[in-house]
Amino acid sequence: MEYPVLDSRLSAIAALVRPGRPAVDVGADHGYLISYLAAKGIVPRGIACDINPQPLEKSRETVRRCGLEGKVRCVLTDGLSGIGPQDAQEVIIAGMGGDLIADIIRRADWLKSPQFHLVLQPMTKPEHLRRFLAREGYAILLEQAVRSGRFVYTVFSVEYTGEQRELSPLESFVGGVRKGDSPDTSAYLERVAANLTERAEGLEKSSGREAEAAEYRQVIRRLEQWIEEGKA
């Protein structure tokens, strides 16, 4: 059976999917990931979702090319609308902003059960997603940094526990990346430090934003310490 070849980002996402459980890929685009998981027998069946017809047609083409019509169905839908607990236990939401991922999860109350496992990969605003998950009672079990081309992203393994909490600024911006065993961890920390430095410099030029800038500087100092330790 033919199956797609995944790049480093999609491979990192696939590695966190729990085997033997039906899966849904939200924003599936070309359908490579869900087709790979089904073709390899990692998931018994899958759903490729997308809000736009053109990307979904790419998914259909991939499914047909891989001979997976009996294992993967393609659904035109907004987020998880029309998808329910009977359809999937593994929920993959990747390749979009952290704020959009949070909104998709917010609109799917059925995810608030430990029987469901989420694999999330924000392209932007991961700090927004981390704060949302913590406030809503979701726990990030594992974070892995992954380099794709000239960019470095993070992939979350998430489960609902019901324990709600507020994150510190350091937890919001770094999460559990440092605890992961990815070779791309230092590169991810360097990217976060650079982004926060840019934000802090902008705030320091604004009247009345000194306290916020100082908070960023504190996080940056800790990041720089970790980066140096990683090089030792």
Protein backbone atom coordinates (compact mmCIF):
# COMPACT_ATOMS: atom_id res chain seq x y z
CA MET A 1 0.00 0.00 0.00
CA GLU A 2 1.32 3.43 -0.93
CA TYR A 3 1.67 5.97 1.85
CA PRO A 4 2.83 9.60 1.92
CA VAL A 5 6.31 10.61 3.03
CA LEU A 6 6.08 13.03 5.96
CA ASP A 7 8.34 15.99 6.63
CA SER A 8 9.89 16.51 10.08
CA ARG A 9 6.92 18.50 11.42
CA LEU A 10 4.29 15.96 10.39
CA SER A 11 6.54 13.11 11.55
CA ALA A 12 6.74 14.67 15.02
CA ILE A 13 2.94 14.93 15.13
CA ALA A 14 2.50 11.33 13.95
CA ALA A 15 4.90 10.10 16.64
CA LEU A 16 2.57 11.40 19.39
CA VAL A 17 -0.58 9.69 18.07
CA ARG A 18 -1.60 6.75 20.25
CA PRO A 19 -1.87 3.58 18.13
CA GLY A 20 -5.03 1.57 17.68
CA ARG A 21 -7.48 4.44 18.14
CA PRO A 22 -9.62 6.17 15.48
CA ALA A 23 -8.34 9.65 14.63
CA VAL A 24 -9.51 12.93 13.14
CA ASP A 25 -7.17 15.46 11.54
CA VAL A 26 -8.62 18.98 11.63
CA GLY A 27 -7.31 21.21 8.86
CA ALA A 28 -5.98 18.15 7.05
CA ASP A 29 -5.09 20.09 3.88
CA HIS A 30 -3.40 17.54 1.57
CA GLY A 31 -4.35 14.64 3.85
CA TYR A 32 -0.80 13.29 4.11
CA LEU A 33 -0.83 12.83 7.88
CA ILE A 34 -4.12 10.96 8.31
CA SER A 35 -3.38 8.85 5.21
CA TYR A 36 0.05 7.95 6.57
CA LEU A 37 -1.44 6.94 9.94
CA ALA A 38 -4.10 4.77 8.28
CA ALA A 39 -1.78 3.22 5.68
CA LYS A 40 0.75 2.29 8.37
CA GLY A 41 -1.97 0.74 10.53
CA ILE A 42 -1.30 3.20 13.36
CA VAL A 43 -5.00 4.14 13.39
CA PRO A 44 -7.81 1.75 12.37
CA ARG A 45 -9.75 4.52 10.64
CA GLY A 46 -9.52 8.26 10.21
CA ILE A 47 -11.29 11.45 9.21
CA ALA A 48 -9.72 14.31 7.27
CA CYS A 49 -11.49 17.61 7.97
CA ASP A 50 -11.10 20.98 6.34
CA ILE A 51 -13.20 24.13 6.16
CA ASN A 52 -12.26 24.80 2.52
CA PRO A 53 -13.27 22.62 -0.46
CA GLN A 54 -9.97 22.90 -2.35
CA PRO A 55 -7.70 21.54 0.41
CA LEU A 56 -10.25 18.82 1.12
CA GLU A 57 -10.14 17.75 -2.52
CA LYS A 58 -6.36 17.34 -2.10
CA SER A 59 -7.09 15.05 0.84
CA ARG A 60 -9.50 13.00 -1.29
CA GLU A 61 -6.84 12.64 -3.98
CA THR A 62 -4.29 11.44 -1.42
CA VAL A 63 -6.78 8.97 0.06
CA ARG A 64 -7.60 7.59 -3.40
CA ARG A 65 -3.94 7.36 -4.40
CA CYS A 66 -3.18 5.39 -1.24
CA GLY A 67 -6.20 3.11 -1.68
CA LEU A 68 -7.65 4.15 1.67
CA GLU A 69 -11.26 4.90 0.69
CA GLY A 70 -12.48 2.27 3.17
CA LYS A 71 -10.40 3.62 6.06
CA VAL A 72 -10.35 7.42 5.68
CA ARG A 73 -13.30 9.69 4.96
CA CYS A 74 -13.05 13.37 4.08
CA VAL A 75 -15.44 15.85 5.68
CA LEU A 76 -16.03 19.50 4.78
CA THR A 77 -16.59 21.18 8.13
CA ASP A 78 -15.59 24.08 10.38
CA GLY A 79 -13.26 22.72 13.03
CA LEU A 80 -14.91 19.78 14.78
CA SER A 81 -18.47 20.75 13.85
CA GLY A 82 -20.35 17.58 12.98
CA ILE A 83 -17.61 15.41 14.50
CA GLY A 84 -18.37 13.73 17.82
CA PRO A 85 -17.05 11.28 20.41
CA GLN A 86 -18.22 8.34 18.31
CA ASP A 87 -15.89 9.36 15.48
CA ALA A 88 -12.44 9.64 17.03
CA GLN A 89 -10.37 9.24 20.18
CA GLU A 90 -7.24 10.83 18.74
CA VAL A 91 -7.80 14.47 17.78
CA ILE A 92 -5.09 16.17 15.71
CA ILE A 93 -5.24 19.94 15.22
CA ALA A 94 -2.11 21.24 13.55
CA GLY A 95 -0.75 23.83 11.16
CA MET A 96 -2.75 26.83 12.39
CA GLY A 97 -2.48 29.58 15.00
CA GLY A 98 -2.72 28.76 18.69
CA ASP A 99 -5.70 31.08 19.07
CA LEU A 100 -7.62 29.25 16.33
CA ILE A 101 -6.76 25.84 17.82
CA ALA A 102 -8.06 27.08 21.19
CA ASP A 103 -11.31 28.23 19.56
CA ILE A 104 -11.84 24.84 17.88
CA ILE A 105 -11.34 23.04 21.19
CA ARG A 106 -13.60 25.51 23.01
CA ARG A 107 -16.46 24.70 20.63
CA ALA A 108 -16.11 20.93 21.15
CA ASP A 109 -17.18 20.28 24.76
CA TRP A 110 -17.07 16.52 24.21
CA LEU A 111 -13.27 16.71 24.31
CA LYS A 112 -13.48 17.31 28.06
CA SER A 113 -12.99 13.65 28.92
CA PRO A 114 -9.78 11.71 29.60
CA GLN A 115 -10.77 9.15 26.95
CA PHE A 116 -9.70 11.62 24.26
CA HIS A 117 -6.12 12.47 23.40
CA LEU A 118 -5.21 15.66 21.55
CA VAL A 119 -2.11 16.23 19.43
CA LEU A 120 -1.72 19.96 18.81
CA GLN A 121 0.81 21.87 16.75
CA PRO A 122 0.43 25.66 16.75
CA MET A 123 2.23 27.60 14.03
CA THR A 124 1.90 30.86 16.00
CA LYS A 125 0.80 31.99 19.48
CA PRO A 126 1.69 28.79 21.37
CA GLU A 127 1.60 30.83 24.61
CA HIS A 128 -2.08 31.64 23.98
CA LEU A 129 -2.84 27.95 23.51
CA ARG A 130 -0.94 26.90 26.64
CA ARG A 131 -2.83 29.42 28.78
CA PHE A 132 -6.18 28.36 27.30
CA LEU A 133 -5.52 24.67 27.92
CA ALA A 134 -4.48 25.26 31.54
CA ARG A 135 -7.52 27.42 32.28
CA GLU A 136 -9.90 24.88 30.72
CA GLY A 137 -8.54 21.88 32.62
CA TYR A 138 -6.37 20.30 29.92
CA ALA A 139 -2.89 19.03 30.80
CA ILE A 140 0.04 19.13 28.39
CA LEU A 141 1.60 15.72 28.96
CA LEU A 142 4.54 16.27 26.64
CA GLU A 143 5.98 18.98 24.41
CA GLN A 144 8.51 18.39 21.67
CA ALA A 145 10.35 21.02 19.65
CA VAL A 146 10.74 20.25 15.95
CA ARG A 147 12.56 22.09 13.19
CA SER A 148 10.93 22.30 9.78
CA GLY A 149 13.00 24.19 7.24
CA ARG A 150 14.10 27.46 8.82
CA PHE A 151 11.33 27.42 11.43
CA VAL A 152 11.09 25.67 14.80
CA TYR A 153 7.72 24.64 16.20
CA THR A 154 6.41 22.73 19.18
CA VAL A 155 4.03 19.77 19.29
CA PHE A 156 1.76 19.11 22.30
CA SER A 157 0.39 15.83 23.65
CA VAL A 158 -2.73 16.86 25.61
CA GLU A 159 -5.36 15.21 27.79
CA TYR A 160 -8.27 16.55 29.84
CA THR A 161 -7.84 16.24 33.62
CA GLY A 162 -10.27 18.89 34.87
CA GLU A 163 -7.53 20.62 36.88
CA GLN A 164 -7.73 24.32 36.02
CA ARG A 165 -4.83 26.64 36.71
CA GLU A 166 -3.12 29.85 35.66
CA LEU A 167 0.33 29.66 34.11
CA SER A 168 3.28 31.84 35.01
CA PRO A 169 4.79 33.90 32.17
CA LEU A 170 7.65 31.40 31.91
CA GLU A 171 5.24 28.46 31.66
CA SER A 172 3.18 30.32 29.06
CA PHE A 173 6.09 31.04 26.74
CA VAL A 174 8.17 27.89 27.24
CA GLY A 175 5.78 25.21 28.48
CA GLY A 176 7.36 21.79 28.77
CA VAL A 177 9.69 22.13 25.78
CA ARG A 178 12.81 22.09 27.95
CA LYS A 179 11.77 18.75 29.49
CA GLY A 180 11.49 17.10 26.08
CA ASP A 181 14.35 15.18 24.50
CA SER A 182 14.24 16.87 21.10
CA PRO A 183 17.55 17.95 19.53
CA ASP A 184 15.71 21.10 18.41
CA THR A 185 14.98 22.32 21.96
CA SER A 186 17.79 24.90 22.05
CA ALA A 187 16.75 26.30 18.67
CA TYR A 188 13.17 26.66 19.92
CA LEU A 189 14.29 28.44 23.10
CA GLU A 190 16.45 30.80 21.04
CA ARG A 191 13.48 31.64 18.83
CA VAL A 192 11.26 32.36 21.85
CA ALA A 193 13.98 34.53 23.41
CA ALA A 194 14.37 36.52 20.18
CA ASN A 195 10.61 37.09 19.90
CA LEU A 196 10.32 38.19 23.53
CA THR A 197 13.31 40.52 23.17
CA GLU A 198 11.58 42.23 20.27
CA ARG A 199 8.39 42.58 22.30
CA ALA A 200 10.25 43.91 25.35
CA GLU A 201 12.07 46.52 23.29
CA GLY A 202 8.77 47.71 21.86
CA LEU A 203 7.16 47.94 25.31
CA GLU A 204 10.13 49.82 26.76
CA LYS A 205 9.46 52.57 24.22
CA SER A 206 5.83 52.83 25.35
CA SER A 207 4.88 54.89 28.37
CA GLY A 208 3.32 52.88 31.20
CA ARG A 209 4.37 49.45 29.87
CA GLU A 210 7.59 49.14 31.89
CA ALA A 211 6.26 46.43 34.22
CA GLU A 212 5.20 44.26 31.30
CA ALA A 213 8.57 44.74 29.63
CA ALA A 214 10.34 43.79 32.87
CA GLU A 215 8.30 40.58 33.01
CA TYR A 216 9.47 39.66 29.51
CA ARG A 217 13.07 40.48 30.43
CA GLN A 218 12.85 38.10 33.39
CA VAL A 219 11.69 35.27 31.12
CA ILE A 220 14.43 36.12 28.60
CA ARG A 221 17.14 35.87 31.27
CA ARG A 222 15.94 32.39 32.25
CA LEU A 223 15.84 31.33 28.61
CA GLU A 224 19.38 32.58 28.01
CA GLN A 225 20.54 30.61 31.05
CA TRP A 226 18.94 27.41 29.72
CA ILE A 227 20.37 27.98 26.25
CA GLU A 228 23.88 28.32 27.67
CA GLU A 229 23.41 25.19 29.78
CA GLY A 230 22.33 23.32 26.65
CA LYS A 231 25.54 24.32 24.89
CA ALA A 232 27.76 23.20 27.77
